[in-house]
C-alpha cells in the first residue's frame, strides 16, 4: 500500500484513535456482563484483560516494525504469497466490516430504545451514514482528528460518574475475592473482548510519524481504556447492588438516570446522545479498514469507490432488515469469537511465523 504522508498521524492521535475504538459497546454493557460472571470482583477481571491485551498489542508492534511502511494487507502477501495472502486479507477485511455492522446495529437499537423510539430503522441508518461517509472518505488523518475531539468530550463527561456514586455504598465491593479466582478468570474472557480495537494498529502503524514510540503508545491507549472501564464498572457496582447490575441491559445508562440537575432532566438521554459519538469512533475505523482491504483486493478500484458501494448496500439493507435485540446479541457473540481470533490468536501466530521464517521479499511467502 502506498502511504500518503499527508495522512501521517501524531502519537497522541494514534493513542486516542486506538483508545476510542476500544470504548464502544463495552462502556454501557461491561458492568452487567461482569456482574453476572464474577460479581463485584469483575473489576479485577478488567485488569487481567488489560494485561492480556498489552501482550497481544506488543506482538503486533513487533511484527510491524520490520516493514514500517506496510499494512497488514501488504504483510500477508509478503509472507504468504499472492493467493493465500489475498485470502487472509479478505478475511481481515470481512472481519472489520462485520464488527462495523455490529456496532452500527447496536447504535441504532440503542437510539430506538432510549432517544427516538418512533423513528424508522432506515431513516436512522441514512442519518448515521452521512458523517460515516464523510469521515471514511478522507482517510486516517481525518478519523484521527475526529477521535481527538470525541476523546475530549468523553473526558468532560466522566466526572458525572463521580456525581452518580456520591450516595453509593462502597461496601458492595467487599469482600474482595468473595467467590475465589475462578469467576474472575472466567470474566477475563469478557474483558479481553472489551479491549478489542488495538488490532487496528496493523493498519495504523505505517501512518504513525514516530514509529519508535508505537509500543509505548499502544500501551497508553490500553491504559486509558482500562481507566474508563474501571471507573464505569466500579461506579455501577457501588451505586447498585450486585443483583441489580446483572439484571440491567445497559447499566451505565441506568446509572445516569440516578443523576439529577435542576436545569437538566433525564441526563441519561443526554449521555445516550453523546454515546453516538463514542460508538462512532468504535465503528467507523473498522469500516475504513475494511474498505482499504477490499480496495487492495479488487483491481482498478480505489477506497472511495468501495465506500460508495458499501454505503449504498447498508442503506438498502436497512429497508428490509431491522435486527431485534436478540439478533444483535447473537451478532455480538459471534463478533466476540471472531475478535478473539483476529486480535489475540492471529497476532501470536503471525509473530511466531515471522520469527521462524525470517524476512522474505514481497510475494515470496511460502
Protein backbone atom coordinates (compact mmCIF):
# COMPACT_ATOMS: atom_id res chain seq x y z
CA UNK A 1 0.00 0.00 0.00
CA UNK A 2 1.37 3.40 -0.93
CA UNK A 3 1.47 5.59 2.18
CA UNK A 4 0.50 9.22 1.62
CA UNK A 5 2.47 11.38 4.05
CA UNK A 6 -0.42 13.83 4.13
CA UNK A 7 -2.17 11.13 6.16
CA UNK A 8 0.52 10.88 8.84
CA UNK A 9 -0.78 10.91 12.41
CA UNK A 10 0.86 12.06 15.63
CA UNK A 11 1.49 9.90 18.68
CA UNK A 12 -1.44 11.47 20.54
CA UNK A 13 -3.77 10.85 17.61
CA UNK A 14 -2.54 7.25 17.46
CA UNK A 15 -3.22 6.79 21.19
CA UNK A 16 -6.67 8.38 21.10
CA UNK A 17 -7.56 6.52 17.91
CA UNK A 18 -6.94 3.09 19.46
CA UNK A 19 -8.49 4.01 22.81
CA UNK A 20 -11.67 5.37 21.25
CA UNK A 21 -12.07 2.29 19.05
CA UNK A 22 -11.96 0.16 22.20
CA UNK A 23 -14.50 2.22 24.13
CA UNK A 24 -17.61 1.31 22.21
CA UNK A 25 -20.38 -1.09 23.14
CA UNK A 26 -18.44 -2.21 26.23
CA UNK A 27 -18.84 1.05 28.12
CA UNK A 28 -22.60 0.51 28.51
CA UNK A 29 -22.73 -3.30 28.83
CA UNK A 30 -19.50 -4.41 30.53
CA UNK A 31 -20.61 -3.89 34.18
CA UNK A 32 -23.63 -6.18 33.82
CA UNK A 33 -21.65 -8.79 31.89
CA UNK A 34 -19.02 -8.90 34.63
CA UNK A 35 -21.54 -8.85 37.49
CA UNK A 36 -23.22 -11.91 36.04
CA UNK A 37 -19.94 -13.84 35.84
CA UNK A 38 -17.65 -12.53 38.58
CA UNK A 39 -20.00 -10.48 40.78
CA UNK A 40 -18.38 -7.32 42.16
CA UNK A 41 -14.89 -8.79 41.71
CA UNK A 42 -15.28 -8.11 38.00
CA UNK A 43 -13.02 -5.08 38.25
CA UNK A 44 -10.10 -7.50 38.78
CA UNK A 45 -11.03 -9.21 35.51
CA UNK A 46 -10.65 -5.84 33.75
CA UNK A 47 -7.05 -5.55 34.97
CA UNK A 48 -6.26 -9.09 33.84
CA UNK A 49 -7.85 -8.35 30.44
CA UNK A 50 -5.66 -5.25 30.18
CA UNK A 51 -2.54 -7.36 30.73
CA UNK A 52 -3.54 -9.86 28.02
CA UNK A 53 -4.39 -7.04 25.60
CA UNK A 54 -0.98 -5.44 26.14
CA UNK A 55 0.81 -8.67 25.32
CA UNK A 56 -1.14 -9.09 22.07
CA UNK A 57 -0.67 -5.39 21.22
CA UNK A 58 3.11 -5.55 21.61
CA UNK A 59 3.25 -8.67 19.43
CA UNK A 60 1.52 -6.66 16.69
CA UNK A 61 4.07 -3.84 17.00
CA UNK A 62 6.92 -6.36 16.91
CA UNK A 63 5.59 -7.82 13.65
CA UNK A 64 5.03 -4.42 12.05
CA UNK A 65 8.37 -2.81 12.87
CA UNK A 66 10.32 -4.85 10.31
CA UNK A 67 8.24 -3.34 7.47
CA UNK A 68 7.24 0.10 8.76
CA UNK A 69 5.57 1.28 5.55
CA UNK A 70 3.32 -1.73 5.02
CA UNK A 71 -0.12 -2.53 6.41
CA UNK A 72 -1.35 -5.98 7.37
CA UNK A 73 -2.68 -6.45 3.84
CA UNK A 74 0.83 -5.97 2.43
CA UNK A 75 2.43 -8.19 5.07
CA UNK A 76 0.09 -11.09 4.39
CA UNK A 77 1.03 -11.03 0.70
CA UNK A 78 4.70 -10.73 1.61
CA UNK A 79 4.75 -13.74 3.91
CA UNK A 80 2.08 -15.96 2.38
CA UNK A 81 2.13 -15.12 -1.32
CA UNK A 82 -0.49 -13.61 -3.61
CA UNK A 83 -3.28 -16.16 -3.23
CA UNK A 84 -3.02 -17.28 0.39
CA UNK A 85 -2.10 -13.77 1.48
CA UNK A 86 -5.01 -12.37 -0.52
CA UNK A 87 -7.37 -14.82 1.20
CA UNK A 88 -6.05 -13.73 4.59
CA UNK A 89 -6.57 -10.08 3.62
CA UNK A 90 -10.14 -10.87 2.58
CA UNK A 91 -10.83 -12.47 5.97
CA UNK A 92 -9.41 -9.47 7.83
CA UNK A 93 -11.46 -7.06 5.70
CA UNK A 94 -14.63 -9.11 6.25
CA UNK A 95 -13.95 -9.24 9.98
CA UNK A 96 -13.59 -5.45 10.09
CA UNK A 97 -16.80 -4.99 8.10
CA UNK A 98 -18.69 -7.37 10.41
CA UNK A 99 -17.51 -5.51 13.52
CA UNK A 100 -18.65 -2.24 11.94
CA UNK A 101 -22.06 -3.75 11.15
CA UNK A 102 -22.46 -4.98 14.74
CA UNK A 103 -21.55 -1.54 16.09
CA UNK A 104 -23.94 0.17 13.70
CA UNK A 105 -26.90 -2.06 14.51
CA UNK A 106 -26.18 -1.75 18.24
CA UNK A 107 -26.18 2.05 17.99
CA UNK A 108 -29.45 2.10 16.04
CA UNK A 109 -31.12 -0.27 18.50
CA UNK A 110 -29.96 1.83 21.48
CA UNK A 111 -31.21 5.05 19.87
CA UNK A 112 -34.59 3.50 19.14
CA UNK A 113 -34.83 2.35 22.75
CA UNK A 114 -33.65 5.45 24.63
CA UNK A 115 -33.97 8.51 22.39
CA UNK A 116 -36.01 8.02 19.18
CA UNK A 117 -38.40 5.09 19.71
CA UNK A 118 -40.76 6.13 16.88
CA UNK A 119 -38.08 6.69 14.24
CA UNK A 120 -37.81 4.16 11.43
CA UNK A 121 -34.72 1.99 11.13
CA UNK A 122 -33.93 3.08 7.57
CA UNK A 123 -34.17 6.78 8.49
CA UNK A 124 -31.65 6.37 11.31
CA UNK A 125 -29.38 4.38 9.02
CA UNK A 126 -29.43 7.19 6.46
CA UNK A 127 -28.68 9.82 9.12
CA UNK A 128 -25.85 7.75 10.59
CA UNK A 129 -24.18 7.28 7.23
CA UNK A 130 -23.88 10.99 6.48
CA UNK A 131 -20.99 11.52 8.95
CA UNK A 132 -19.73 7.95 8.44
CA UNK A 133 -19.32 8.53 4.71
CA UNK A 134 -17.67 11.92 5.17
CA UNK A 135 -15.13 10.65 7.71
CA UNK A 136 -14.27 7.40 5.94
CA UNK A 137 -13.90 9.24 2.62
CA UNK A 138 -10.99 11.40 3.77
CA UNK A 139 -8.82 8.78 5.39
CA UNK A 140 -6.78 8.12 8.51
CA UNK A 141 -5.85 11.68 9.48
CA UNK A 142 -9.45 12.90 9.40
CA UNK A 143 -10.53 9.94 11.54
CA UNK A 144 -7.68 10.59 13.97
CA UNK A 145 -8.69 14.24 14.38
CA UNK A 146 -12.28 13.19 14.98
CA UNK A 147 -11.24 10.74 17.71
CA UNK A 148 -9.28 13.55 19.40
CA UNK A 149 -12.41 15.69 19.61
CA UNK A 150 -14.52 12.82 20.94
CA UNK A 151 -11.83 11.96 23.50
CA UNK A 152 -12.04 15.48 24.91
CA UNK A 153 -15.83 15.20 25.11
CA UNK A 154 -15.57 11.88 26.93
CA UNK A 155 -13.17 13.37 29.49
CA UNK A 156 -15.72 16.11 30.18
CA UNK A 157 -18.48 13.51 30.68
CA UNK A 158 -16.56 11.21 33.05
CA UNK A 159 -16.90 13.49 36.14
CA UNK A 160 -20.64 12.78 36.04
CA UNK A 161 -19.79 9.26 37.20
CA UNK A 162 -18.30 10.63 40.42
CA UNK A 163 -21.51 12.58 41.00
CA UNK A 164 -23.54 9.41 40.50
CA UNK A 165 -21.72 7.49 43.25
CA UNK A 166 -21.73 10.18 45.92
CA UNK A 167 -24.59 8.35 47.67
CA UNK A 168 -23.37 4.88 46.71
CA UNK A 169 -22.21 2.10 49.01
CA UNK A 170 -18.58 1.00 48.61
CA UNK A 171 -19.31 -1.92 50.89
CA UNK A 172 -20.80 -3.60 47.79
CA UNK A 173 -17.21 -4.22 46.67
CA UNK A 174 -16.40 -6.24 49.79
CA UNK A 175 -15.20 -8.80 50.45
CA UNK A 176 -12.65 -8.99 47.66
CA UNK A 177 -12.32 -12.44 46.06
CA UNK A 178 -15.60 -13.43 47.66
CA UNK A 179 -16.07 -16.33 45.22
CA UNK A 180 -12.41 -17.12 44.54
CA UNK A 181 -10.33 -16.71 41.39
CA UNK A 182 -12.28 -18.97 39.03
CA UNK A 183 -15.16 -16.49 38.34
CA UNK A 184 -12.59 -13.71 37.89
CA UNK A 185 -10.67 -15.75 35.33
CA UNK A 186 -13.92 -16.54 33.52
CA UNK A 187 -14.71 -12.83 33.49
CA UNK A 188 -11.35 -12.13 31.88
CA UNK A 189 -12.66 -13.57 28.61
CA UNK A 190 -15.34 -10.86 28.63
CA UNK A 191 -12.87 -8.09 29.38
CA UNK A 192 -10.36 -9.06 26.69
CA UNK A 193 -13.21 -8.68 24.19
CA UNK A 194 -13.87 -5.16 25.51
CA UNK A 195 -10.25 -4.24 24.67
CA UNK A 196 -10.72 -5.18 21.01
CA UNK A 197 -9.56 -2.39 18.74
CA UNK A 198 -5.80 -2.49 19.24
CA UNK A 199 -5.58 -4.85 16.25
CA UNK A 200 -6.16 -1.81 14.02
CA UNK A 201 -2.51 -0.99 14.73
CA UNK A 202 -1.93 -3.42 11.84
CA UNK A 203 -3.17 -0.59 9.59
CA UNK A 204 -2.34 2.48 11.71
CA UNK A 205 1.35 1.71 12.18
CA UNK A 206 2.60 2.85 8.74
CA UNK A 207 0.91 6.24 9.22
CA UNK A 208 2.47 6.94 12.62
CA UNK A 209 5.10 9.69 12.46
CA UNK A 210 7.32 8.42 15.29
CA UNK A 211 7.13 4.68 14.85
CA UNK A 212 9.68 4.00 17.58
CA UNK A 213 7.01 5.10 20.07
CA UNK A 214 4.33 2.77 18.72
CA UNK A 215 4.75 0.23 21.53
CA UNK A 216 4.54 2.86 24.24
CA UNK A 217 1.58 4.50 22.53
CA UNK A 218 -0.49 1.33 22.28
CA UNK A 219 0.12 0.52 25.97
CA UNK A 220 -1.00 4.04 26.92
CA UNK A 221 -4.13 3.61 24.76
CA UNK A 222 -4.95 0.33 26.50
CA UNK A 223 -4.37 2.00 29.87
CA UNK A 224 -6.80 4.83 29.07
CA UNK A 225 -9.38 2.20 28.19
CA UNK A 226 -8.58 0.37 31.43
CA UNK A 227 -9.19 3.54 33.46
CA UNK A 228 -12.53 4.25 31.76
CA UNK A 229 -13.78 0.67 32.18
CA UNK A 230 -12.68 0.55 35.82
CA UNK A 231 -14.39 3.84 36.58
CA UNK A 232 -17.66 2.86 34.88
CA UNK A 233 -17.72 -0.65 36.36
CA UNK A 234 -16.88 0.39 39.93
CA UNK A 235 -19.42 3.22 39.73
CA UNK A 236 -22.16 0.74 38.75
CA UNK A 237 -21.11 -1.74 41.46
CA UNK A 238 -21.10 0.99 44.13
CA UNK A 239 -24.43 2.57 43.14
CA UNK A 240 -26.37 -0.67 42.56
CA UNK A 241 -26.23 -3.93 44.42
CA UNK A 242 -24.66 -6.91 42.59
CA UNK A 243 -28.04 -8.44 41.73
CA UNK A 244 -29.34 -5.20 40.21
CA UNK A 245 -26.30 -4.71 37.98
CA UNK A 246 -26.58 -8.20 36.49
CA UNK A 247 -30.24 -7.61 35.55
CA UNK A 248 -29.65 -4.37 33.63
CA UNK A 249 -29.01 -4.47 29.88
CA UNK A 250 -27.29 -1.06 29.79
CA UNK A 251 -26.28 -0.40 33.42
CA UNK A 252 -24.26 2.70 32.57
CA UNK A 253 -27.34 4.42 31.17
CA UNK A 254 -29.33 3.32 34.23
CA UNK A 255 -26.56 4.83 36.35
CA UNK A 256 -27.02 8.20 34.68
CA UNK A 257 -30.74 8.01 35.50
CA UNK A 258 -29.77 8.49 39.16
CA UNK A 259 -28.18 11.89 38.41
CA UNK A 260 -30.41 14.91 38.84
CA UNK A 261 -29.79 18.55 37.99
CA UNK A 262 -32.29 21.38 38.44
CA UNK A 263 -31.61 22.62 34.91
CA UNK A 264 -31.46 19.27 33.04
CA UNK A 265 -34.00 16.46 33.04
CA UNK A 266 -33.19 12.90 32.03
CA UNK A 267 -29.42 13.25 31.89
CA UNK A 268 -29.25 9.63 30.64
CA UNK A 269 -30.81 10.77 27.34
CA UNK A 270 -28.08 13.41 27.02
CA UNK A 271 -25.45 10.74 27.62
CA UNK A 272 -27.17 8.38 25.16
CA UNK A 273 -26.97 11.10 22.52
CA UNK A 274 -23.29 11.70 23.32
CA UNK A 275 -22.78 7.95 23.22
CA UNK A 276 -23.40 8.15 19.48
CA UNK A 277 -20.05 9.89 19.16
CA UNK A 278 -18.34 7.24 21.30
CA UNK A 279 -19.74 4.34 19.33
CA UNK A 280 -18.99 6.09 16.02
CA UNK A 281 -15.29 6.19 16.89
CA UNK A 282 -15.56 2.48 17.59
CA UNK A 283 -17.27 1.55 14.31
CA UNK A 284 -16.07 3.95 11.60
CA UNK A 285 -12.36 2.95 11.84
CA UNK A 286 -13.32 -0.69 11.25
CA UNK A 287 -15.39 0.44 8.26
CA UNK A 288 -12.42 2.33 6.84
CA UNK A 289 -10.06 -0.63 7.38
CA UNK A 290 -12.46 -2.98 5.58
CA UNK A 291 -12.71 -0.53 2.68
CA UNK A 292 -8.92 -0.28 2.42
CA UNK A 293 -8.69 -4.07 2.40
CA UNK A 294 -11.30 -4.52 -0.33
CA UNK A 295 -9.76 -1.77 -2.47
CA UNK A 296 -6.42 -3.63 -2.46
CA UNK A 297 -8.07 -6.92 -3.34
CA UNK A 298 -10.25 -5.66 -6.21
CA UNK A 299 -8.22 -4.47 -9.24
CA UNK A 300 -8.75 -1.00 -10.69
CA UNK A 301 -10.68 0.32 -7.69
CA UNK A 302 -9.89 2.87 -5.01
CA UNK A 303 -11.24 3.12 -1.48
CA UNK A 304 -13.81 5.81 -2.36
CA UNK A 305 -15.45 3.58 -4.95
CA UNK A 306 -15.68 0.73 -2.45
CA UNK A 307 -17.03 3.19 0.13
CA UNK A 308 -19.86 4.26 -2.17
CA UNK A 309 -20.87 0.67 -2.93
CA UNK A 310 -20.84 -0.48 0.71
CA UNK A 311 -22.65 2.63 1.93
CA UNK A 312 -25.39 2.15 -0.64
CA UNK A 313 -25.62 -1.51 0.32
CA UNK A 314 -26.13 -0.76 4.02
CA UNK A 315 -28.82 1.82 3.31
CA UNK A 316 -30.70 -0.57 1.02
CA UNK A 317 -30.34 -3.33 3.63
CA UNK A 318 -31.98 -1.12 6.27
CA UNK A 319 -35.25 -1.15 4.30
CA UNK A 320 -35.56 -4.93 4.52
CA UNK A 321 -33.69 -5.85 7.71
CA UNK A 322 -34.16 -4.44 11.21
CA UNK A 323 -32.47 -6.79 13.73
CA UNK A 324 -34.09 -7.36 17.10
CA UNK A 325 -32.21 -7.09 20.37
CA UNK A 326 -31.83 -10.88 20.41
CA UNK A 327 -30.35 -10.88 16.92
CA UNK A 328 -27.95 -8.05 17.82
CA UNK A 329 -26.89 -10.05 20.88
CA UNK A 330 -26.16 -13.07 18.69
CA UNK A 331 -24.09 -10.91 16.32
CA UNK A 332 -22.16 -9.51 19.31
CA UNK A 333 -21.45 -13.06 20.46
CA UNK A 334 -20.14 -14.08 17.04
CA UNK A 335 -18.18 -10.85 16.79
CA UNK A 336 -16.54 -11.71 20.09
CA UNK A 337 -15.45 -15.12 18.83
CA UNK A 338 -14.05 -13.56 15.66
CA UNK A 339 -12.34 -10.84 17.70
CA UNK A 340 -10.54 -13.39 19.87
CA UNK A 341 -9.09 -14.96 16.72
CA UNK A 342 -8.28 -11.71 14.88
CA UNK A 343 -6.87 -9.78 17.85
CA UNK A 344 -5.23 -12.40 20.04
CA UNK A 345 -4.65 -15.71 18.24
CA UNK A 346 -3.76 -14.24 14.82
CA UNK A 347 -1.06 -11.77 16.08
CA UNK A 348 0.57 -14.55 18.10
CA UNK A 349 0.57 -16.98 15.16
CA UNK A 350 1.83 -14.31 12.75
CA UNK A 351 4.60 -13.26 15.16
CA UNK A 352 5.64 -16.90 15.58
CA UNK A 353 5.61 -17.46 11.81
CA UNK A 354 7.62 -14.31 11.07
CA UNK A 355 10.13 -15.15 13.77
CA UNK A 356 10.52 -18.67 12.38
CA UNK A 357 10.98 -17.93 8.68
CA UNK A 358 12.66 -14.54 8.92
CA UNK A 359 12.29 -11.79 6.32
CA UNK A 360 11.17 -12.50 2.77
CA UNK A 361 10.95 -10.38 -0.37
CA UNK A 362 7.44 -9.28 -1.30
CA UNK A 363 5.45 -12.09 -2.89
CA UNK A 364 7.89 -14.84 -1.80
CA UNK A 365 5.74 -16.25 1.01
CA UNK A 366 5.74 -19.99 1.36
